[in-house]
Amino acid sequence: MKKQPVSPKYVPSRDRVLVSRIEERISEVIEEDVRYKQKSCKAEVLFVGKDYAEDYFPGDVIFIGEHNGEELDLDGFKCTSVYGSDIRLKIGQ
């Protein structure tokens, strides 16, 4: 699970956390119709802005809202930038 595909040249602003959504098997609403597919709410922290540097670390697994954050494509890698206040909970430690 420790993967750092994004270069450290991408540093989130103070109140942002850069995460990668963890794909899970999620029940489809209508026979695998892509329009109704839910996004995963589980994510892995990649990089942390200065405001949340003491709370979250790269590799932490967190829960975020399904519609929170901005989807980004950084050097061909899809990730999500969320506000630190949008993080619902942290799993473990």
C-alpha atoms as a PDB file:
ATOM      1  CA  MET A   1       0.000   0.000   0.000  1.00  0.00           C
ATOM      2  CA  LYS A   2       3.031   2.310   0.313  1.00  0.00           C
ATOM      3  CA  LYS A   3       3.162   3.800  -3.159  1.00  0.00           C
ATOM      4  CA  GLN A   4       4.320   7.285  -4.031  1.00  0.00           C
ATOM      5  CA  PRO A   5       3.579   7.634  -7.752  1.00  0.00           C
ATOM      6  CA  VAL A   6       3.245  11.415  -7.537  1.00  0.00           C
ATOM      7  CA  SER A   7       6.410  13.475  -7.472  1.00  0.00           C
ATOM      8  CA  PRO A   8       7.007  15.555  -4.318  1.00  0.00           C
ATOM      9  CA  LYS A   9       7.045  18.613  -6.584  1.00  0.00           C
ATOM     10  CA  TYR A  10       3.257  18.649  -6.031  1.00  0.00           C
ATOM     11  CA  VAL A  11       2.775  20.074  -2.548  1.00  0.00           C
ATOM     12  CA  PRO A  12      -0.801  20.754  -1.411  1.00  0.00           C
ATOM     13  CA  SER A  13      -1.673  24.171  -0.013  1.00  0.00           C
ATOM     14  CA  ARG A  14      -1.842  24.632   3.754  1.00  0.00           C
ATOM     15  CA  ASP A  15      -5.373  23.321   4.324  1.00  0.00           C
ATOM     16  CA  ARG A  16      -5.355  20.546   1.695  1.00  0.00           C
ATOM     17  CA  VAL A  17      -4.509  16.849   1.750  1.00  0.00           C
ATOM     18  CA  LEU A  18      -3.646  14.949  -1.449  1.00  0.00           C
ATOM     19  CA  VAL A  19      -5.120  11.433  -1.392  1.00  0.00           C
ATOM     20  CA  SER A  20      -5.567   8.410  -3.624  1.00  0.00           C
ATOM     21  CA  ARG A  21      -8.973   6.714  -3.417  1.00  0.00           C
ATOM     22  CA  ILE A  22      -8.777   3.024  -2.558  1.00  0.00           C
ATOM     23  CA  GLU A  23     -10.917   1.012  -4.950  1.00  0.00           C
ATOM     24  CA  GLU A  24     -13.180  -1.497  -3.258  1.00  0.00           C
ATOM     25  CA  ARG A  25     -15.996  -3.709  -4.382  1.00  0.00           C
ATOM     26  CA  ILE A  26     -19.032  -1.493  -4.032  1.00  0.00           C
ATOM     27  CA  SER A  27     -22.508  -2.718  -4.813  1.00  0.00           C
ATOM     28  CA  GLU A  28     -23.793  -1.317  -8.077  1.00  0.00           C
ATOM     29  CA  VAL A  29     -27.230   0.241  -8.113  1.00  0.00           C
ATOM     30  CA  ILE A  30     -28.421  -0.957 -11.515  1.00  0.00           C
ATOM     31  CA  GLU A  31     -26.666  -3.873 -13.248  1.00  0.00           C
ATOM     32  CA  GLU A  32     -23.193  -2.330 -13.519  1.00  0.00           C
ATOM     33  CA  ASP A  33     -24.445   0.830 -15.193  1.00  0.00           C
ATOM     34  CA  VAL A  34     -21.439   3.169 -14.933  1.00  0.00           C
ATOM     35  CA  ARG A  35     -23.630   6.219 -14.364  1.00  0.00           C
ATOM     36  CA  TYR A  36     -24.687   4.864 -10.971  1.00  0.00           C
ATOM     37  CA  LYS A  37     -21.315   3.631  -9.745  1.00  0.00           C
ATOM     38  CA  GLN A  38     -20.362   5.036  -6.347  1.00  0.00           C
ATOM     39  CA  LYS A  39     -16.919   6.453  -5.580  1.00  0.00           C
ATOM     40  CA  SER A  40     -14.959   4.858  -2.783  1.00  0.00           C
ATOM     41  CA  CYS A  41     -14.933   6.835   0.460  1.00  0.00           C
ATOM     42  CA  LYS A  42     -11.725   5.146   1.633  1.00  0.00           C
ATOM     43  CA  ALA A  43      -8.462   6.832   0.635  1.00  0.00           C
ATOM     44  CA  GLU A  44      -4.730   6.739   1.290  1.00  0.00           C
ATOM     45  CA  VAL A  45      -2.910   9.955   2.192  1.00  0.00           C
ATOM     46  CA  LEU A  46      -0.134  10.871  -0.276  1.00  0.00           C
ATOM     47  CA  PHE A  47       0.894  14.386   0.796  1.00  0.00           C
ATOM     48  CA  VAL A  48      -0.275  16.747   3.549  1.00  0.00           C
ATOM     49  CA  GLY A  49      -0.451  20.555   3.691  1.00  0.00           C
ATOM     50  CA  LYS A  50       1.198  22.405   6.594  1.00  0.00           C
ATOM     51  CA  ASP A  51      -2.026  22.899   8.599  1.00  0.00           C
ATOM     52  CA  TYR A  52      -2.583  19.134   8.967  1.00  0.00           C
ATOM     53  CA  ALA A  53       1.038  17.919   9.088  1.00  0.00           C
ATOM     54  CA  GLU A  54       0.675  16.814  12.728  1.00  0.00           C
ATOM     55  CA  ASP A  55      -2.644  14.988  12.172  1.00  0.00           C
ATOM     56  CA  TYR A  56      -2.076  12.972   8.985  1.00  0.00           C
ATOM     57  CA  PHE A  57       0.964  11.295   7.428  1.00  0.00           C
ATOM     58  CA  PRO A  58       1.628   9.700   4.019  1.00  0.00           C
ATOM     59  CA  GLY A  59       0.299   6.144   4.066  1.00  0.00           C
ATOM     60  CA  ASP A  60      -2.544   6.811   6.542  1.00  0.00           C
ATOM     61  CA  VAL A  61      -5.904   5.356   5.516  1.00  0.00           C
ATOM     62  CA  ILE A  62      -8.822   7.769   5.917  1.00  0.00           C
ATOM     63  CA  PHE A  63     -12.508   8.129   5.067  1.00  0.00           C
ATOM     64  CA  ILE A  64     -13.708  11.116   3.038  1.00  0.00           C
ATOM     65  CA  GLY A  65     -17.121  11.982   1.645  1.00  0.00           C
ATOM     66  CA  GLU A  66     -18.029  10.504  -1.731  1.00  0.00           C
ATOM     67  CA  HIS A  67     -18.390  13.928  -3.349  1.00  0.00           C
ATOM     68  CA  ASN A  68     -15.628  15.746  -1.446  1.00  0.00           C
ATOM     69  CA  GLY A  69     -12.490  17.031  -3.129  1.00  0.00           C
ATOM     70  CA  GLU A  70     -11.257  17.754  -6.612  1.00  0.00           C
ATOM     71  CA  GLU A  71     -10.182  14.973  -8.936  1.00  0.00           C
ATOM     72  CA  LEU A  72      -6.697  15.679 -10.324  1.00  0.00           C
ATOM     73  CA  ASP A  73      -4.529  14.048 -12.976  1.00  0.00           C
ATOM     74  CA  LEU A  74      -0.871  14.593 -12.042  1.00  0.00           C
ATOM     75  CA  ASP A  75       1.575  13.121 -14.525  1.00  0.00           C
ATOM     76  CA  GLY A  76      -0.965  10.473 -15.518  1.00  0.00           C
ATOM     77  CA  PHE A  77      -1.826   9.492 -11.928  1.00  0.00           C
ATOM     78  CA  LYS A  78      -5.380  10.144 -10.720  1.00  0.00           C
ATOM     79  CA  CYS A  79      -5.661  11.521  -7.204  1.00  0.00           C
ATOM     80  CA  THR A  80      -7.958  13.747  -5.165  1.00  0.00           C
ATOM     81  CA  SER A  81      -7.265  16.991  -3.321  1.00  0.00           C
ATOM     82  CA  VAL A  82      -9.499  17.407  -0.239  1.00  0.00           C
ATOM     83  CA  TYR A  83      -9.750  19.955   2.541  1.00  0.00           C
ATOM     84  CA  GLY A  84      -8.398  18.582   5.789  1.00  0.00           C
ATOM     85  CA  SER A  85     -11.737  19.420   7.413  1.00  0.00           C
ATOM     86  CA  ASP A  86     -13.503  17.062   4.926  1.00  0.00           C
ATOM     87  CA  ILE A  87     -11.712  14.019   6.353  1.00  0.00           C
ATOM     88  CA  ARG A  88     -14.301  12.045   8.329  1.00  0.00           C
ATOM     89  CA  LEU A  89     -11.998   9.692  10.230  1.00  0.00           C
ATOM     90  CA  LYS A  90      -8.593   8.054  10.257  1.00  0.00           C
ATOM     91  CA  ILE A  91      -8.189   4.275  10.487  1.00  0.00           C
ATOM     92  CA  GLY A  92      -5.681   2.939  13.023  1.00  0.00           C
ATOM     93  CA  GLN A  93      -3.015   4.617  15.177  1.00  0.00           C
END
